[in-house]
Amino acid sequence: MTTGLNTIVKLYTINQVAEILAVSKITIYRLVETRKIPFYKIKGCIRFAEKDIFSYLDQSRIESVE
């Protein structure tokens, strides 16, 4: 898929994101419902850009205490 910036965007389904994050599909639906993770809605189907998934992971990271 190309955007107006001529870059390729890899899109993932809810099932794929749940597997990547090692959580349930319900958890992903909750993240979408509360708008805590960016998503695209294409003809009723929810899709996630790869960069948004990894950005969400970075924002969720908690540093260790040392």
PDB file of N, CA and C in Angstrom:
ATOM      1  N   MET A   1       0.852  -1.182   0.000  1.00  0.00           N
ATOM      2  CA  MET A   1       0.000   0.000   0.000  1.00  0.00           C
ATOM      3  C   MET A   1       0.888   1.232   0.000  1.00  0.00           C
ATOM      4  N   THR A   2       0.536   2.227  -0.787  1.00  0.00           N
ATOM      5  CA  THR A   2       1.313   3.455  -0.800  1.00  0.00           C
ATOM      6  C   THR A   2       0.478   4.601  -0.264  1.00  0.00           C
ATOM      7  N   THR A   3       1.147   5.556   0.324  1.00  0.00           N
ATOM      8  CA  THR A   3       0.481   6.757   0.829  1.00  0.00           C
ATOM      9  C   THR A   3       0.856   7.920  -0.063  1.00  0.00           C
ATOM     10  N   GLY A   4       0.357   9.093   0.262  1.00  0.00           N
ATOM     11  CA  GLY A   4       0.686  10.290  -0.488  1.00  0.00           C
ATOM     12  C   GLY A   4       2.169  10.617  -0.449  1.00  0.00           C
ATOM     13  N   LEU A   5       2.876  10.051   0.505  1.00  0.00           N
ATOM     14  CA  LEU A   5       4.315  10.305   0.630  1.00  0.00           C
ATOM     15  C   LEU A   5       5.145   9.272  -0.112  1.00  0.00           C
ATOM     16  N   ASN A   6       4.481   8.403  -0.889  1.00  0.00           N
ATOM     17  CA  ASN A   6       5.153   7.354  -1.662  1.00  0.00           C
ATOM     18  C   ASN A   6       5.957   6.404  -0.784  1.00  0.00           C
ATOM     19  N   THR A   7       5.436   6.097   0.386  1.00  0.00           N
ATOM     20  CA  THR A   7       6.069   5.126   1.263  1.00  0.00           C
ATOM     21  C   THR A   7       5.168   3.909   1.373  1.00  0.00           C
ATOM     22  N   ILE A   8       5.765   2.774   1.599  1.00  0.00           N
ATOM     23  CA  ILE A   8       4.998   1.550   1.750  1.00  0.00           C
ATOM     24  C   ILE A   8       4.650   1.366   3.214  1.00  0.00           C
ATOM     25  N   VAL A   9       3.380   1.091   3.481  1.00  0.00           N
ATOM     26  CA  VAL A   9       2.901   0.889   4.839  1.00  0.00           C
ATOM     27  C   VAL A   9       2.409  -0.543   4.952  1.00  0.00           C
ATOM     28  N   LYS A  10       2.998  -1.295   5.877  1.00  0.00           N
ATOM     29  CA  LYS A  10       2.545  -2.653   6.106  1.00  0.00           C
ATOM     30  C   LYS A  10       1.438  -2.611   7.140  1.00  0.00           C
ATOM     31  N   LEU A  11       0.287  -3.193   6.805  1.00  0.00           N
ATOM     32  CA  LEU A  11      -0.862  -3.182   7.688  1.00  0.00           C
ATOM     33  C   LEU A  11      -1.101  -4.564   8.289  1.00  0.00           C
ATOM     34  N   TYR A  12      -1.540  -4.579   9.546  1.00  0.00           N
ATOM     35  CA  TYR A  12      -1.783  -5.815  10.277  1.00  0.00           C
ATOM     36  C   TYR A  12      -3.238  -5.887  10.734  1.00  0.00           C
ATOM     37  N   THR A  13      -3.759  -7.098  10.850  1.00  0.00           N
ATOM     38  CA  THR A  13      -5.111  -7.327  11.354  1.00  0.00           C
ATOM     39  C   THR A  13      -5.089  -7.378  12.878  1.00  0.00           C
ATOM     40  N   ILE A  14      -6.278  -7.405  13.466  1.00  0.00           N
ATOM     41  CA  ILE A  14      -6.385  -7.525  14.918  1.00  0.00           C
ATOM     42  C   ILE A  14      -5.726  -8.814  15.397  1.00  0.00           C
ATOM     43  N   ASN A  15      -5.966  -9.915  14.701  1.00  0.00           N
ATOM     44  CA  ASN A  15      -5.349 -11.192  15.083  1.00  0.00           C
ATOM     45  C   ASN A  15      -3.821 -11.110  15.068  1.00  0.00           C
ATOM     46  N   GLN A  16      -3.283 -10.488  14.048  1.00  0.00           N
ATOM     47  CA  GLN A  16      -1.831 -10.378  13.929  1.00  0.00           C
ATOM     48  C   GLN A  16      -1.249  -9.500  15.032  1.00  0.00           C
ATOM     49  N   VAL A  17      -1.914  -8.392  15.346  1.00  0.00           N
ATOM     50  CA  VAL A  17      -1.421  -7.500  16.397  1.00  0.00           C
ATOM     51  C   VAL A  17      -1.497  -8.197  17.753  1.00  0.00           C
ATOM     52  N   ALA A  18      -2.574  -8.927  17.987  1.00  0.00           N
ATOM     53  CA  ALA A  18      -2.703  -9.672  19.246  1.00  0.00           C
ATOM     54  C   ALA A  18      -1.548 -10.655  19.388  1.00  0.00           C
ATOM     55  N   GLU A  19      -1.188 -11.308  18.295  1.00  0.00           N
ATOM     56  CA  GLU A  19      -0.080 -12.261  18.341  1.00  0.00           C
ATOM     57  C   GLU A  19       1.252 -11.543  18.575  1.00  0.00           C
ATOM     58  N   ILE A  20       1.467 -10.430  17.906  1.00  0.00           N
ATOM     59  CA  ILE A  20       2.715  -9.668  18.068  1.00  0.00           C
ATOM     60  C   ILE A  20       2.876  -9.194  19.506  1.00  0.00           C
ATOM     61  N   LEU A  21       1.786  -8.685  20.099  1.00  0.00           N
ATOM     62  CA  LEU A  21       1.853  -8.151  21.456  1.00  0.00           C
ATOM     63  C   LEU A  21       1.643  -9.220  22.527  1.00  0.00           C
ATOM     64  N   ALA A  22       1.344 -10.446  22.103  1.00  0.00           N
ATOM     65  CA  ALA A  22       1.108 -11.575  23.018  1.00  0.00           C
ATOM     66  C   ALA A  22      -0.025 -11.277  23.996  1.00  0.00           C
ATOM     67  N   VAL A  23      -1.128 -10.765  23.444  1.00  0.00           N
ATOM     68  CA  VAL A  23      -2.327 -10.481  24.228  1.00  0.00           C
ATOM     69  C   VAL A  23      -3.537 -11.049  23.477  1.00  0.00           C
ATOM     70  N   SER A  24      -4.691 -10.992  24.111  1.00  0.00           N
ATOM     71  CA  SER A  24      -5.904 -11.500  23.471  1.00  0.00           C
ATOM     72  C   SER A  24      -6.461 -10.487  22.466  1.00  0.00           C
ATOM     73  N   LYS A  25      -7.334 -10.977  21.587  1.00  0.00           N
ATOM     74  CA  LYS A  25      -8.007 -10.088  20.643  1.00  0.00           C
ATOM     75  C   LYS A  25      -8.874  -9.075  21.389  1.00  0.00           C
ATOM     76  N   ILE A  26      -9.467  -9.508  22.499  1.00  0.00           N
ATOM     77  CA  ILE A  26     -10.292  -8.606  23.308  1.00  0.00           C
ATOM     78  C   ILE A  26      -9.470  -7.403  23.766  1.00  0.00           C
ATOM     79  N   THR A  27      -8.227  -7.642  24.164  1.00  0.00           N
ATOM     80  CA  THR A  27      -7.348  -6.553  24.591  1.00  0.00           C
ATOM     81  C   THR A  27      -7.127  -5.566  23.450  1.00  0.00           C
ATOM     82  N   ILE A  28      -6.930  -6.060  22.256  1.00  0.00           N
ATOM     83  CA  ILE A  28      -6.727  -5.181  21.099  1.00  0.00           C
ATOM     84  C   ILE A  28      -7.994  -4.377  20.827  1.00  0.00           C
ATOM     85  N   TYR A  29      -9.153  -5.038  20.898  1.00  0.00           N
ATOM     86  CA  TYR A  29     -10.417  -4.313  20.718  1.00  0.00           C
ATOM     87  C   TYR A  29     -10.569  -3.198  21.764  1.00  0.00           C
ATOM     88  N   ARG A  30     -10.149  -3.457  22.987  1.00  0.00           N
ATOM     89  CA  ARG A  30     -10.214  -2.428  24.044  1.00  0.00           C
ATOM     90  C   ARG A  30      -9.280  -1.262  23.738  1.00  0.00           C
ATOM     91  N   LEU A  31      -8.087  -1.571  23.235  1.00  0.00           N
ATOM     92  CA  LEU A  31      -7.149  -0.511  22.860  1.00  0.00           C
ATOM     93  C   LEU A  31      -7.731   0.350  21.747  1.00  0.00           C
ATOM     94  N   VAL A  32      -8.426  -0.274  20.814  1.00  0.00           N
ATOM     95  CA  VAL A  32      -9.066   0.463  19.721  1.00  0.00           C
ATOM     96  C   VAL A  32     -10.214   1.305  20.268  1.00  0.00           C
ATOM     97  N   GLU A  33     -11.042   0.699  21.094  1.00  0.00           N
ATOM     98  CA  GLU A  33     -12.213   1.383  21.654  1.00  0.00           C
ATOM     99  C   GLU A  33     -11.828   2.629  22.445  1.00  0.00           C
ATOM    100  N   THR A  34     -10.738   2.526  23.191  1.00  0.00           N
ATOM    101  CA  THR A  34     -10.276   3.657  24.011  1.00  0.00           C
ATOM    102  C   THR A  34      -9.291   4.554  23.264  1.00  0.00           C
ATOM    103  N   ARG A  35      -9.051   4.216  22.000  1.00  0.00           N
ATOM    104  CA  ARG A  35      -8.153   4.991  21.122  1.00  0.00           C
ATOM    105  C   ARG A  35      -6.743   5.105  21.681  1.00  0.00           C
ATOM    106  N   LYS A  36      -6.254   4.026  22.288  1.00  0.00           N
ATOM    107  CA  LYS A  36      -4.897   4.034  22.847  1.00  0.00           C
ATOM    108  C   LYS A  36      -3.858   3.588  21.829  1.00  0.00           C
ATOM    109  N   ILE A  37      -4.333   3.039  20.696  1.00  0.00           N
ATOM    110  CA  ILE A  37      -3.438   2.655  19.616  1.00  0.00           C
ATOM    111  C   ILE A  37      -4.058   3.159  18.309  1.00  0.00           C
ATOM    112  N   PRO A  38      -3.270   3.814  17.473  1.00  0.00           N
ATOM    113  CA  PRO A  38      -3.813   4.307  16.206  1.00  0.00           C
ATOM    114  C   PRO A  38      -4.200   3.143  15.289  1.00  0.00           C
ATOM    115  N   PHE A  39      -5.230   3.355  14.495  1.00  0.00           N
ATOM    116  CA  PHE A  39      -5.670   2.320  13.562  1.00  0.00           C
ATOM    117  C   PHE A  39      -6.327   2.953  12.349  1.00  0.00           C
ATOM    118  N   TYR A  40      -6.482   2.141  11.317  1.00  0.00           N
ATOM    119  CA  TYR A  40      -7.202   2.531  10.116  1.00  0.00           C
ATOM    120  C   TYR A  40      -8.466   1.695  10.045  1.00  0.00           C
ATOM    121  N   LYS A  41      -9.526   2.275   9.531  1.00  0.00           N
ATOM    122  CA  LYS A  41     -10.755   1.524   9.304  1.00  0.00           C
ATOM    123  C   LYS A  41     -11.015   1.569   7.806  1.00  0.00           C
ATOM    124  N   ILE A  42     -10.845   0.433   7.174  1.00  0.00           N
ATOM    125  CA  ILE A  42     -10.980   0.337   5.729  1.00  0.00           C
ATOM    126  C   ILE A  42     -12.167  -0.558   5.417  1.00  0.00           C
ATOM    127  N   LYS A  43     -13.232   0.043   4.911  1.00  0.00           N
ATOM    128  CA  LYS A  43     -14.471  -0.681   4.607  1.00  0.00           C
ATOM    129  C   LYS A  43     -14.919  -1.541   5.781  1.00  0.00           C
ATOM    130  N   GLY A  44     -14.842  -0.976   6.976  1.00  0.00           N
ATOM    131  CA  GLY A  44     -15.295  -1.674   8.176  1.00  0.00           C
ATOM    132  C   GLY A  44     -14.272  -2.584   8.820  1.00  0.00           C
ATOM    133  N   CYS A  45     -13.140  -2.772   8.174  1.00  0.00           N
ATOM    134  CA  CYS A  45     -12.076  -3.635   8.720  1.00  0.00           C
ATOM    135  C   CYS A  45     -11.036  -2.780   9.427  1.00  0.00           C
ATOM    136  N   ILE A  46     -10.639  -3.197  10.617  1.00  0.00           N
ATOM    137  CA  ILE A  46      -9.643  -2.470  11.393  1.00  0.00           C
ATOM    138  C   ILE A  46      -8.251  -2.993  11.026  1.00  0.00           C
ATOM    139  N   ARG A  47      -7.352  -2.063  10.726  1.00  0.00           N
ATOM    140  CA  ARG A  47      -5.976  -2.403  10.381  1.00  0.00           C
ATOM    141  C   ARG A  47      -5.029  -1.476  11.125  1.00  0.00           C
ATOM    142  N   PHE A  48      -3.828  -1.979  11.377  1.00  0.00           N
ATOM    143  CA  PHE A  48      -2.820  -1.238  12.132  1.00  0.00           C
ATOM    144  C   PHE A  48      -1.546  -1.135  11.304  1.00  0.00           C
ATOM    145  N   ALA A  49      -0.961   0.058  11.285  1.00  0.00           N
ATOM    146  CA  ALA A  49       0.320   0.250  10.610  1.00  0.00           C
ATOM    147  C   ALA A  49       1.427  -0.281  11.513  1.00  0.00           C
ATOM    148  N   GLU A  50       2.414  -0.890  10.891  1.00  0.00           N
ATOM    149  CA  GLU A  50       3.528  -1.472  11.635  1.00  0.00           C
ATOM    150  C   GLU A  50       4.189  -0.436  12.544  1.00  0.00           C
ATOM    151  N   LYS A  51       4.398   0.772  12.028  1.00  0.00           N
ATOM    152  CA  LYS A  51       5.056   1.826  12.821  1.00  0.00           C
ATOM    153  C   LYS A  51       4.236   2.177  14.059  1.00  0.00           C
ATOM    154  N   ASP A  52       2.910   2.137  13.954  1.00  0.00           N
ATOM    155  CA  ASP A  52       2.046   2.455  15.089  1.00  0.00           C
ATOM    156  C   ASP A  52       2.096   1.373  16.166  1.00  0.00           C
ATOM    157  N   ILE A  53       2.220   0.132  15.750  1.00  0.00           N
ATOM    158  CA  ILE A  53       2.320  -0.979  16.710  1.00  0.00           C
ATOM    159  C   ILE A  53       3.589  -0.818  17.542  1.00  0.00           C
ATOM    160  N   PHE A  54       4.705  -0.569  16.875  1.00  0.00           N
ATOM    161  CA  PHE A  54       5.971  -0.462  17.585  1.00  0.00           C
ATOM    162  C   PHE A  54       6.077   0.847  18.363  1.00  0.00           C
ATOM    163  N   SER A  55       5.405   1.884  17.898  1.00  0.00           N
ATOM    164  CA  SER A  55       5.334   3.132  18.662  1.00  0.00           C
ATOM    165  C   SER A  55       4.553   2.904  19.954  1.00  0.00           C
ATOM    166  N   TYR A  56       3.445   2.152  19.875  1.00  0.00           N
ATOM    167  CA  TYR A  56       2.663   1.823  21.068  1.00  0.00           C
ATOM    168  C   TYR A  56       3.517   1.030  22.056  1.00  0.00           C
ATOM    169  N   LEU A  57       4.295   0.085  21.549  1.00  0.00           N
ATOM    170  CA  LEU A  57       5.191  -0.689  22.416  1.00  0.00           C
ATOM    171  C   LEU A  57       6.193   0.221  23.120  1.00  0.00           C
ATOM    172  N   ASP A  58       6.780   1.142  22.381  1.00  0.00           N
ATOM    173  CA  ASP A  58       7.755   2.070  22.973  1.00  0.00           C
ATOM    174  C   ASP A  58       7.118   2.923  24.069  1.00  0.00           C
ATOM    175  N   GLN A  59       5.899   3.393  23.830  1.00  0.00           N
ATOM    176  CA  GLN A  59       5.208   4.227  24.817  1.00  0.00           C
ATOM    177  C   GLN A  59       4.815   3.432  26.052  1.00  0.00           C
ATOM    178  N   SER A  60       4.650   2.127  25.904  1.00  0.00           N
ATOM    179  CA  SER A  60       4.225   1.272  27.015  1.00  0.00           C
ATOM    180  C   SER A  60       5.395   0.787  27.856  1.00  0.00           C
ATOM    181  N   ARG A  61       6.601   1.059  27.409  1.00  0.00           N
ATOM    182  CA  ARG A  61       7.793   0.554  28.097  1.00  0.00           C
ATOM    183  C   ARG A  61       8.015   1.275  29.410  1.00  0.00           C
ATOM    184  N   ILE A  62       8.315   0.505  30.416  1.00  0.00           N
ATOM    185  CA  ILE A  62       8.629   1.042  31.745  1.00  0.00           C
ATOM    186  C   ILE A  62      10.089   0.694  32.039  1.00  0.00           C
ATOM    187  N   GLU A  63      10.857   1.706  32.341  1.00  0.00           N
ATOM    188  CA  GLU A  63      12.283   1.489  32.601  1.00  0.00           C
ATOM    189  C   GLU A  63      12.497   0.754  33.913  1.00  0.00           C
ATOM    190  N   SER A  64      13.601   0.014  33.969  1.00  0.00           N
ATOM    191  CA  SER A  64      13.936  -0.695  35.199  1.00  0.00           C
ATOM    192  C   SER A  64      14.486   0.286  36.247  1.00  0.00           C
ATOM    193  N   VAL A  65      14.430  -0.128  37.472  1.00  0.00           N
ATOM    194  CA  VAL A  65      14.944   0.691  38.568  1.00  0.00           C
ATOM    195  C   VAL A  65      16.282   0.118  38.993  1.00  0.00           C
ATOM    196  N   GLU A  66      17.312   0.918  38.859  1.00  0.00           N
ATOM    197  CA  GLU A  66      18.641   0.456  39.253  1.00  0.00           C
ATOM    198  C   GLU A  66      19.376   1.533  39.987  1.00  0.00           C
TER     199      GLU A  66
END
